[in-house]
N, C-alpha and C. Protein backbone atom coordinates (compact mmCIF):
# COMPACT_ATOMS: atom_id res chain seq x y z
N UNK A 1 18.01 7.78 -2.60
CA UNK A 1 17.17 7.75 -1.42
C UNK A 1 15.71 7.91 -1.83
N UNK A 2 14.87 7.04 -1.32
CA UNK A 2 13.44 7.08 -1.62
C UNK A 2 12.74 7.88 -0.54
N UNK A 3 12.09 8.95 -0.95
CA UNK A 3 11.36 9.74 0.02
C UNK A 3 10.33 10.60 -0.70
N UNK A 4 9.46 11.23 0.10
CA UNK A 4 8.44 12.15 -0.40
C UNK A 4 8.67 13.51 0.23
N UNK A 5 8.53 14.55 -0.57
CA UNK A 5 8.73 15.90 -0.07
C UNK A 5 7.50 16.74 -0.38
N UNK A 6 6.87 17.25 0.69
CA UNK A 6 5.71 18.10 0.52
C UNK A 6 6.12 19.57 0.50
N UNK A 7 5.31 20.37 -0.15
CA UNK A 7 5.51 21.81 -0.16
C UNK A 7 4.17 22.49 -0.40
N UNK A 8 4.15 23.81 -0.19
CA UNK A 8 2.95 24.58 -0.48
C UNK A 8 2.12 24.97 0.72
N UNK A 9 2.52 24.51 1.89
CA UNK A 9 1.78 24.88 3.08
C UNK A 9 1.99 26.33 3.44
N UNK A 10 1.19 26.82 4.39
CA UNK A 10 1.34 28.20 4.83
C UNK A 10 0.13 28.67 5.59
N UNK A 11 0.07 29.98 5.78
CA UNK A 11 -1.04 30.63 6.49
C UNK A 11 -2.01 31.19 5.45
N UNK A 12 -3.28 30.87 5.62
CA UNK A 12 -4.30 31.32 4.67
C UNK A 12 -5.56 31.69 5.43
N UNK A 13 -6.31 32.64 4.90
CA UNK A 13 -7.54 33.07 5.56
C UNK A 13 -8.68 32.09 5.25
N UNK A 14 -9.63 31.99 6.14
CA UNK A 14 -10.80 31.14 5.88
C UNK A 14 -11.47 31.52 4.57
N UNK A 15 -11.90 30.50 3.84
CA UNK A 15 -12.55 30.74 2.56
C UNK A 15 -11.61 30.78 1.38
N UNK A 16 -10.32 30.89 1.65
CA UNK A 16 -9.34 30.95 0.57
C UNK A 16 -8.90 29.55 0.14
N UNK A 17 -8.01 29.52 -0.84
CA UNK A 17 -7.54 28.26 -1.39
C UNK A 17 -6.04 28.09 -1.22
N UNK A 18 -5.60 26.86 -1.26
CA UNK A 18 -4.18 26.52 -1.17
C UNK A 18 -3.97 25.20 -1.88
N UNK A 19 -2.83 25.07 -2.54
CA UNK A 19 -2.52 23.81 -3.20
C UNK A 19 -1.22 23.24 -2.66
N UNK A 20 -1.27 22.05 -2.16
CA UNK A 20 -0.09 21.35 -1.67
C UNK A 20 0.50 20.49 -2.79
N UNK A 21 1.82 20.37 -2.77
CA UNK A 21 2.51 19.53 -3.75
C UNK A 21 3.31 18.46 -3.03
N UNK A 22 3.48 17.35 -3.70
CA UNK A 22 4.27 16.24 -3.16
C UNK A 22 5.13 15.68 -4.27
N UNK A 23 6.43 15.72 -4.06
CA UNK A 23 7.36 15.24 -5.07
C UNK A 23 8.13 14.04 -4.55
N UNK A 24 8.11 12.93 -5.28
CA UNK A 24 8.86 11.76 -4.84
C UNK A 24 10.33 11.85 -5.26
N UNK A 25 11.18 11.30 -4.45
CA UNK A 25 12.59 11.20 -4.77
C UNK A 25 12.97 9.74 -4.88
N UNK A 26 13.58 9.36 -5.98
CA UNK A 26 13.97 7.97 -6.15
C UNK A 26 12.95 7.11 -6.86
N UNK A 27 11.80 7.66 -7.18
CA UNK A 27 10.76 6.95 -7.91
C UNK A 27 9.76 7.96 -8.45
N UNK A 28 8.82 7.48 -9.26
CA UNK A 28 7.70 8.32 -9.70
C UNK A 28 6.42 7.69 -9.17
N UNK A 29 5.33 8.40 -9.34
CA UNK A 29 4.06 7.90 -8.84
C UNK A 29 3.39 6.92 -9.80
N UNK A 30 4.00 6.65 -10.94
CA UNK A 30 3.45 5.69 -11.87
C UNK A 30 3.28 4.34 -11.18
N UNK A 31 2.08 3.77 -11.28
CA UNK A 31 1.83 2.48 -10.67
C UNK A 31 1.60 2.52 -9.18
N UNK A 32 1.57 3.71 -8.61
CA UNK A 32 1.36 3.86 -7.17
C UNK A 32 -0.03 4.41 -6.85
N UNK A 33 -0.45 4.16 -5.66
CA UNK A 33 -1.53 4.93 -5.07
C UNK A 33 -0.88 6.05 -4.27
N UNK A 34 -1.50 7.21 -4.30
CA UNK A 34 -0.98 8.34 -3.53
C UNK A 34 -2.10 8.89 -2.66
N UNK A 35 -1.71 9.59 -1.62
CA UNK A 35 -2.73 10.11 -0.73
C UNK A 35 -2.20 11.22 0.16
N UNK A 36 -3.13 11.78 0.93
CA UNK A 36 -2.79 12.83 1.88
C UNK A 36 -3.44 12.52 3.22
N UNK A 37 -2.69 12.73 4.29
CA UNK A 37 -3.17 12.65 5.65
C UNK A 37 -2.92 14.00 6.31
N UNK A 38 -3.54 14.20 7.45
CA UNK A 38 -3.28 15.41 8.23
C UNK A 38 -3.37 15.09 9.71
N UNK A 39 -2.68 15.91 10.47
CA UNK A 39 -2.74 15.77 11.93
C UNK A 39 -2.76 17.15 12.55
N UNK A 40 -3.83 17.42 13.26
CA UNK A 40 -3.98 18.68 13.97
C UNK A 40 -3.42 18.53 15.38
N UNK A 41 -3.04 19.63 16.01
CA UNK A 41 -2.49 19.55 17.37
C UNK A 41 -3.46 18.87 18.33
N UNK A 42 -2.96 17.89 19.05
CA UNK A 42 -3.76 17.20 20.03
C UNK A 42 -4.75 16.20 19.46
N UNK A 43 -4.71 16.00 18.17
CA UNK A 43 -5.64 15.06 17.54
C UNK A 43 -4.90 13.93 16.85
N UNK A 44 -5.63 12.87 16.56
CA UNK A 44 -5.04 11.75 15.86
C UNK A 44 -4.86 12.10 14.37
N UNK A 45 -3.93 11.39 13.77
CA UNK A 45 -3.74 11.54 12.34
C UNK A 45 -5.00 11.11 11.60
N UNK A 46 -5.36 11.84 10.57
CA UNK A 46 -6.61 11.62 9.84
C UNK A 46 -6.33 11.49 8.35
N UNK A 47 -6.95 10.51 7.72
CA UNK A 47 -6.81 10.40 6.28
C UNK A 47 -7.64 11.50 5.63
N UNK A 48 -7.14 12.04 4.55
CA UNK A 48 -7.81 13.14 3.87
C UNK A 48 -8.27 12.72 2.48
N UNK A 49 -7.36 12.17 1.69
CA UNK A 49 -7.69 11.82 0.31
C UNK A 49 -6.75 10.75 -0.21
N UNK A 50 -7.24 9.97 -1.18
CA UNK A 50 -6.42 8.94 -1.81
C UNK A 50 -6.73 8.86 -3.29
N UNK A 51 -5.74 8.46 -4.07
CA UNK A 51 -5.88 8.39 -5.54
C UNK A 51 -5.16 7.16 -6.07
N UNK A 52 -5.86 6.41 -6.91
CA UNK A 52 -5.24 5.33 -7.67
C UNK A 52 -4.81 5.94 -8.99
N UNK A 53 -3.50 6.05 -9.22
CA UNK A 53 -3.02 6.75 -10.41
C UNK A 53 -3.31 5.98 -11.70
N UNK A 54 -3.61 4.70 -11.59
CA UNK A 54 -3.89 3.91 -12.80
C UNK A 54 -5.35 4.00 -13.20
N UNK A 55 -6.25 4.00 -12.24
CA UNK A 55 -7.68 4.01 -12.56
C UNK A 55 -8.30 5.39 -12.42
N UNK A 56 -7.65 6.26 -11.65
CA UNK A 56 -8.22 7.57 -11.37
C UNK A 56 -9.21 7.58 -10.23
N UNK A 57 -9.41 6.43 -9.61
CA UNK A 57 -10.36 6.37 -8.49
C UNK A 57 -9.83 7.21 -7.34
N UNK A 58 -10.74 7.91 -6.68
CA UNK A 58 -10.36 8.76 -5.56
C UNK A 58 -11.23 8.49 -4.35
N UNK A 59 -10.66 8.78 -3.20
CA UNK A 59 -11.39 8.75 -1.93
C UNK A 59 -11.16 10.09 -1.22
N UNK A 60 -12.18 10.55 -0.52
CA UNK A 60 -12.07 11.75 0.29
C UNK A 60 -12.77 11.51 1.62
N UNK A 61 -12.20 12.03 2.67
CA UNK A 61 -12.91 11.99 3.93
C UNK A 61 -14.08 12.96 3.86
N UNK A 62 -15.13 12.70 4.61
CA UNK A 62 -16.38 13.46 4.46
C UNK A 62 -16.18 14.97 4.66
N UNK A 63 -15.33 15.34 5.58
CA UNK A 63 -15.20 16.76 5.91
C UNK A 63 -14.56 17.59 4.80
N UNK A 64 -13.92 16.94 3.82
CA UNK A 64 -13.28 17.70 2.74
C UNK A 64 -13.93 17.43 1.39
N UNK A 65 -14.86 16.49 1.35
CA UNK A 65 -15.53 16.15 0.09
C UNK A 65 -16.14 17.41 -0.53
N UNK A 66 -15.87 17.62 -1.82
CA UNK A 66 -16.39 18.79 -2.51
C UNK A 66 -15.54 20.03 -2.38
N UNK A 67 -14.59 20.03 -1.47
CA UNK A 67 -13.70 21.19 -1.29
C UNK A 67 -12.26 20.88 -1.73
N UNK A 68 -11.83 19.65 -1.53
CA UNK A 68 -10.45 19.25 -1.85
C UNK A 68 -10.45 18.36 -3.08
N UNK A 69 -9.36 18.46 -3.84
CA UNK A 69 -9.19 17.61 -5.02
C UNK A 69 -7.76 17.09 -5.07
N UNK A 70 -7.62 15.79 -5.23
CA UNK A 70 -6.30 15.17 -5.35
C UNK A 70 -6.05 14.83 -6.82
N UNK A 71 -4.85 15.08 -7.28
CA UNK A 71 -4.51 14.75 -8.67
C UNK A 71 -3.00 14.72 -8.82
N UNK A 72 -2.54 14.17 -9.92
CA UNK A 72 -1.12 14.18 -10.25
C UNK A 72 -0.93 14.86 -11.61
N UNK A 73 0.29 15.27 -11.90
CA UNK A 73 0.57 15.79 -13.22
C UNK A 73 0.64 14.63 -14.22
N UNK A 74 0.65 14.95 -15.51
CA UNK A 74 0.59 13.89 -16.52
C UNK A 74 1.79 12.95 -16.45
N UNK A 75 2.93 13.47 -16.06
CA UNK A 75 4.13 12.64 -15.96
C UNK A 75 4.18 11.85 -14.67
N UNK A 76 3.20 12.09 -13.80
CA UNK A 76 3.12 11.40 -12.50
C UNK A 76 4.38 11.60 -11.68
N UNK A 77 4.93 12.80 -11.76
CA UNK A 77 6.10 13.12 -10.96
C UNK A 77 5.77 13.99 -9.77
N UNK A 78 4.54 14.50 -9.72
CA UNK A 78 4.11 15.33 -8.61
C UNK A 78 2.64 15.05 -8.32
N UNK A 79 2.33 14.97 -7.04
CA UNK A 79 0.95 14.84 -6.61
C UNK A 79 0.53 16.15 -5.95
N UNK A 80 -0.74 16.47 -6.10
CA UNK A 80 -1.25 17.72 -5.58
C UNK A 80 -2.49 17.48 -4.73
N UNK A 81 -2.72 18.43 -3.82
CA UNK A 81 -3.97 18.48 -3.09
C UNK A 81 -4.46 19.92 -3.19
N UNK A 82 -5.45 20.11 -4.05
CA UNK A 82 -6.06 21.42 -4.21
C UNK A 82 -7.11 21.59 -3.11
N UNK A 83 -6.96 22.61 -2.28
CA UNK A 83 -7.85 22.82 -1.15
C UNK A 83 -8.58 24.14 -1.32
N UNK A 84 -9.88 24.08 -1.46
CA UNK A 84 -10.70 25.28 -1.63
C UNK A 84 -11.58 25.51 -0.42
N UNK A 85 -12.04 26.74 -0.27
CA UNK A 85 -12.93 27.09 0.83
C UNK A 85 -12.40 26.56 2.16
N UNK A 86 -11.18 26.89 2.44
CA UNK A 86 -10.54 26.38 3.65
C UNK A 86 -11.21 26.89 4.92
N UNK A 87 -11.23 26.05 5.93
CA UNK A 87 -11.84 26.37 7.20
C UNK A 87 -10.80 26.26 8.31
N UNK A 88 -11.02 26.94 9.42
CA UNK A 88 -10.06 26.84 10.53
C UNK A 88 -9.81 25.40 10.96
N UNK A 89 -10.82 24.56 10.87
CA UNK A 89 -10.65 23.16 11.27
C UNK A 89 -9.80 22.35 10.30
N UNK A 90 -9.42 22.95 9.18
CA UNK A 90 -8.48 22.30 8.26
C UNK A 90 -7.03 22.51 8.68
N UNK A 91 -6.82 23.32 9.70
CA UNK A 91 -5.47 23.57 10.20
C UNK A 91 -4.84 22.28 10.71
N UNK A 92 -3.68 21.95 10.15
CA UNK A 92 -3.01 20.71 10.50
C UNK A 92 -1.68 20.62 9.75
N UNK A 93 -0.89 19.64 10.13
CA UNK A 93 0.26 19.25 9.32
C UNK A 93 -0.23 18.22 8.31
N UNK A 94 0.03 18.45 7.04
CA UNK A 94 -0.42 17.57 5.97
C UNK A 94 0.74 16.71 5.48
N UNK A 95 0.46 15.41 5.37
CA UNK A 95 1.47 14.45 4.96
C UNK A 95 1.07 13.79 3.65
N UNK A 96 2.05 13.63 2.78
CA UNK A 96 1.85 12.91 1.54
C UNK A 96 2.25 11.45 1.75
N UNK A 97 1.51 10.53 1.13
CA UNK A 97 1.80 9.10 1.23
C UNK A 97 1.73 8.46 -0.14
N UNK A 98 2.42 7.33 -0.28
CA UNK A 98 2.39 6.60 -1.55
C UNK A 98 2.60 5.11 -1.28
N UNK A 99 2.03 4.29 -2.15
CA UNK A 99 2.16 2.85 -1.98
C UNK A 99 1.91 2.16 -3.32
N UNK A 100 2.63 1.09 -3.58
CA UNK A 100 2.40 0.32 -4.80
C UNK A 100 2.15 -1.16 -4.51
N UNK A 101 2.02 -1.50 -3.20
CA UNK A 101 1.87 -2.91 -2.83
C UNK A 101 0.42 -3.35 -2.85
N UNK A 102 -0.46 -2.44 -2.40
CA UNK A 102 -1.85 -2.83 -2.17
C UNK A 102 -2.79 -2.07 -3.06
N UNK A 103 -4.06 -2.45 -3.04
CA UNK A 103 -5.08 -1.67 -3.72
C UNK A 103 -5.28 -0.36 -2.95
N UNK A 104 -5.84 0.63 -3.63
CA UNK A 104 -6.12 1.88 -2.96
C UNK A 104 -7.09 1.65 -1.80
N UNK A 105 -8.05 0.78 -2.00
CA UNK A 105 -9.04 0.50 -0.96
C UNK A 105 -8.36 0.01 0.31
N UNK A 106 -7.43 -0.93 0.15
CA UNK A 106 -6.74 -1.47 1.32
C UNK A 106 -5.90 -0.39 1.99
N UNK A 107 -5.13 0.35 1.22
CA UNK A 107 -4.31 1.41 1.80
C UNK A 107 -5.18 2.42 2.53
N UNK A 108 -6.31 2.77 1.92
CA UNK A 108 -7.20 3.77 2.49
C UNK A 108 -7.82 3.28 3.79
N UNK A 109 -8.34 2.05 3.76
CA UNK A 109 -9.05 1.51 4.92
C UNK A 109 -8.09 1.16 6.06
N UNK A 110 -6.95 0.58 5.73
CA UNK A 110 -6.01 0.12 6.75
C UNK A 110 -4.88 1.10 7.02
N UNK A 111 -4.86 2.20 6.32
CA UNK A 111 -3.76 3.17 6.47
C UNK A 111 -2.41 2.50 6.26
N UNK A 112 -2.34 1.68 5.27
CA UNK A 112 -1.09 0.98 4.94
C UNK A 112 -0.46 1.63 3.72
N UNK A 113 0.55 2.42 3.98
CA UNK A 113 1.24 3.16 2.94
C UNK A 113 2.73 2.91 3.06
N UNK A 114 3.37 2.71 1.95
CA UNK A 114 4.79 2.37 1.93
C UNK A 114 5.67 3.57 2.26
N UNK A 115 5.31 4.73 1.76
CA UNK A 115 6.14 5.92 1.92
C UNK A 115 5.34 7.05 2.56
N UNK A 116 5.99 7.78 3.44
CA UNK A 116 5.39 8.93 4.12
C UNK A 116 6.33 10.12 3.99
N UNK A 117 5.75 11.29 3.73
CA UNK A 117 6.54 12.50 3.73
C UNK A 117 6.69 13.05 5.14
N UNK A 118 7.44 14.14 5.25
CA UNK A 118 7.69 14.75 6.55
C UNK A 118 6.60 15.73 6.96
N UNK A 119 5.80 16.16 6.03
CA UNK A 119 4.68 17.01 6.37
C UNK A 119 4.91 18.48 6.06
N UNK A 120 3.82 19.19 5.83
CA UNK A 120 3.85 20.63 5.62
C UNK A 120 2.69 21.25 6.39
N UNK A 121 2.96 22.36 7.07
CA UNK A 121 1.96 22.98 7.94
C UNK A 121 0.99 23.82 7.14
N UNK A 122 -0.28 23.63 7.42
CA UNK A 122 -1.33 24.48 6.86
C UNK A 122 -2.08 25.11 8.02
N UNK A 123 -2.14 26.42 8.03
CA UNK A 123 -2.85 27.14 9.08
C UNK A 123 -3.91 28.02 8.45
N UNK A 124 -5.14 27.81 8.88
CA UNK A 124 -6.26 28.60 8.35
C UNK A 124 -6.75 29.51 9.47
N UNK A 125 -6.53 30.79 9.30
CA UNK A 125 -6.86 31.73 10.36
C UNK A 125 -7.00 33.13 9.77
N UNK A 126 -7.88 33.90 10.38
CA UNK A 126 -8.05 35.29 9.97
C UNK A 126 -7.14 36.21 10.76
């Protein structure tokens, strides 16, 4: 079965850090673009970050630029989203995505991703 499984979510205080993990089942991230989306209650789903695992090119939405970092392990079996200086507005369900059909630019701009995870909750609150 091909799927993505996120982990690492939880409750964290503002200003603290959290790292999300995404593990693929049935494939590895080699040759794929990977990314993270989030959806807060009552809001539309929002792209957060994207990574081309072959070139290392990354994209970040403006609100997380400089605070979040997307990367994979050397074996490309796990993708991560390192989140620093978290803010209450970062509270959302975070989804991992992956795709090998299109360029990262196309996936990022058109939100066209082959695989979606089920999501992990991140709550930033004091």
